[in-house]
Amino acid sequence: MTRTASLALALAAGMAFGVAFVLSCGGDNRSAADAGCSCPASEPPLAGRFITQSGARTIPGGMVGEAGATCPAGAQLLSGSCTSPQNNIPVDLVLIESGFTESPPTLPQGWLCTFKNNGTTPVDVKATVICLNPGT
């Protein structure tokens, strides 16, 4: 057997072993290839695990105010946003600062938005968090 043929045979055998190994512990689908596998179940599906929580405030004219939202206990904060639901009403509103609220020693669980209402009429503002519930 030539050296090239030996290398090709070794490569093919390695690829076959790799594919068989991956298939033997492939997720929750317990087929005949998984018969002797004691692999842990893979991560539960994400569908239904995302949660949004919001906190609203009304900021009087000429004032600074905050709106905040927090994830439920056990859920992980993914992101947050700051909005004003008064889309069709002209407002003079400035977002001063937005970001997660730290809660050492654990990971951040909330989002805080600080607004300045430069107008003369009250403005509604909202902070929203997107959280991931742990898998069960």
Protein backbone atom coordinates (compact mmCIF):
# COMPACT_ATOMS: atom_id res chain seq x y z
CA MET A 1 0.00 0.00 0.00
CA THR A 2 1.36 3.42 -0.87
CA ARG A 3 1.92 6.10 1.67
CA THR A 4 -0.85 8.25 0.15
CA ALA A 5 -3.32 5.37 0.33
CA SER A 6 -2.38 4.74 3.98
CA LEU A 7 -2.98 8.38 4.87
CA ALA A 8 -6.32 8.39 3.04
CA LEU A 9 -7.41 5.22 4.85
CA ALA A 10 -6.39 6.64 8.24
CA LEU A 11 -8.25 9.89 7.50
CA ALA A 12 -11.41 8.02 6.45
CA ALA A 13 -11.28 5.85 9.58
CA GLY A 14 -10.85 8.91 11.80
CA MET A 15 -13.77 10.68 10.15
CA ALA A 16 -15.99 7.60 10.54
CA PHE A 17 -15.07 7.35 14.23
CA GLY A 18 -15.79 11.05 14.75
CA VAL A 19 -19.22 10.86 13.11
CA ALA A 20 -20.12 7.74 15.12
CA PHE A 21 -19.01 9.44 18.35
CA VAL A 22 -21.08 12.56 17.69
CA LEU A 23 -24.15 10.51 16.80
CA SER A 24 -23.82 8.33 19.90
CA CYS A 25 -24.58 11.24 22.26
CA GLY A 26 -26.59 13.60 20.08
CA GLY A 27 -29.10 15.55 22.19
CA ASP A 28 -32.50 14.31 23.29
CA ASN A 29 -33.18 12.08 20.28
CA ARG A 30 -32.58 8.62 21.71
CA SER A 31 -32.24 6.46 18.61
CA ALA A 32 -30.59 3.07 18.16
CA ALA A 33 -27.21 4.84 17.92
CA ASP A 34 -27.80 6.17 21.45
CA ALA A 35 -28.63 2.76 22.94
CA GLY A 36 -25.68 2.60 25.34
CA CYS A 37 -25.32 6.35 25.93
CA SER A 38 -25.84 7.90 29.32
CA CYS A 39 -25.44 11.46 28.04
CA PRO A 40 -27.21 14.28 29.89
CA ALA A 41 -30.17 15.87 28.11
CA SER A 42 -29.31 18.92 26.06
CA GLU A 43 -30.45 22.45 26.98
CA PRO A 44 -34.27 22.74 26.99
CA PRO A 45 -35.80 24.60 24.02
CA LEU A 46 -35.78 28.39 24.25
CA ALA A 47 -39.42 28.72 23.18
CA GLY A 48 -41.49 29.97 26.11
CA ARG A 49 -38.46 30.79 28.27
CA PHE A 50 -38.10 34.47 27.27
CA ILE A 51 -39.94 36.93 29.52
CA THR A 52 -40.40 40.68 29.23
CA GLN A 53 -41.11 42.85 32.26
CA SER A 54 -41.77 46.59 32.18
CA GLY A 55 -41.88 49.47 34.60
CA ALA A 56 -43.58 52.75 33.66
CA ARG A 57 -43.41 56.27 35.09
CA THR A 58 -44.83 59.67 34.29
CA ILE A 59 -42.30 62.48 34.33
CA PRO A 60 -43.72 65.98 34.93
CA GLY A 61 -42.73 68.83 32.61
CA GLY A 62 -39.25 70.23 33.22
CA MET A 63 -38.24 67.34 35.51
CA VAL A 64 -35.82 64.40 35.52
CA GLY A 65 -37.22 60.96 36.30
CA GLU A 66 -36.37 57.29 36.20
CA ALA A 67 -38.12 54.12 35.09
CA GLY A 68 -36.83 50.67 35.94
CA ALA A 69 -37.66 47.03 35.37
CA THR A 70 -36.34 43.85 37.01
CA CYS A 71 -36.21 40.18 36.01
CA PRO A 72 -38.10 37.71 38.17
CA ALA A 73 -36.09 35.68 40.69
CA GLY A 74 -34.05 32.97 39.00
CA ALA A 75 -34.24 34.49 35.52
CA GLN A 76 -31.20 35.91 33.73
CA LEU A 77 -31.21 39.46 32.35
CA LEU A 78 -30.42 39.49 28.63
CA SER A 79 -31.11 43.09 27.61
CA GLY A 80 -33.17 46.16 28.33
CA SER A 81 -34.71 49.16 26.60
CA CYS A 82 -35.99 52.65 27.35
CA THR A 83 -39.01 53.99 25.47
CA SER A 84 -41.86 56.44 25.53
CA PRO A 85 -45.17 54.97 24.40
CA GLN A 86 -46.34 58.44 23.28
CA ASN A 87 -45.20 57.83 19.70
CA ASN A 88 -47.74 60.12 18.01
CA ILE A 89 -47.50 63.01 20.45
CA PRO A 90 -44.57 65.40 19.99
CA VAL A 91 -42.50 65.44 23.17
CA ASP A 92 -39.20 67.03 24.14
CA LEU A 93 -37.72 64.07 25.98
CA VAL A 94 -34.03 63.24 26.44
CA LEU A 95 -32.64 59.88 27.54
CA ILE A 96 -29.84 60.81 29.94
CA GLU A 97 -28.64 57.33 30.84
CA SER A 98 -29.66 53.70 30.47
CA GLY A 99 -28.11 50.46 31.60
CA PHE A 100 -28.31 47.51 33.90
CA THR A 101 -28.54 47.90 37.62
CA GLU A 102 -25.82 46.03 39.45
CA SER A 103 -26.74 43.83 42.33
CA PRO A 104 -23.51 42.27 43.65
CA PRO A 105 -22.59 39.53 44.25
CA THR A 106 -25.06 38.22 41.67
CA LEU A 107 -25.39 39.14 38.01
CA PRO A 108 -27.40 42.26 37.05
CA GLN A 109 -31.14 41.66 37.24
CA GLY A 110 -32.57 45.03 36.26
CA TRP A 111 -32.50 47.90 33.76
CA LEU A 112 -32.73 51.58 34.68
CA CYS A 113 -33.57 54.53 32.41
CA THR A 114 -33.08 58.18 33.39
CA PHE A 115 -34.99 60.74 31.30
CA LYS A 116 -35.26 64.55 31.23
CA ASN A 117 -38.60 65.98 30.16
CA ASN A 118 -37.76 69.34 28.58
CA GLY A 119 -41.41 69.97 27.72
CA THR A 120 -44.14 71.51 29.82
CA THR A 121 -46.57 68.56 29.83
CA PRO A 122 -46.10 65.21 31.62
CA VAL A 123 -44.58 62.38 29.56
CA ASP A 124 -44.96 58.63 30.08
CA VAL A 125 -41.73 56.61 29.92
CA LYS A 126 -41.05 52.89 30.18
CA ALA A 127 -38.12 50.59 30.96
CA THR A 128 -38.33 47.00 29.71
CA VAL A 129 -36.13 43.98 30.36
CA ILE A 130 -35.86 40.75 28.40
CA CYS A 131 -35.04 37.82 30.66
CA LEU A 132 -34.38 34.11 30.18
CA ASN A 133 -35.99 31.67 32.58
CA PRO A 134 -33.81 28.71 33.52
CA GLY A 135 -34.57 25.42 31.79
CA THR A 136 -36.48 22.78 33.66
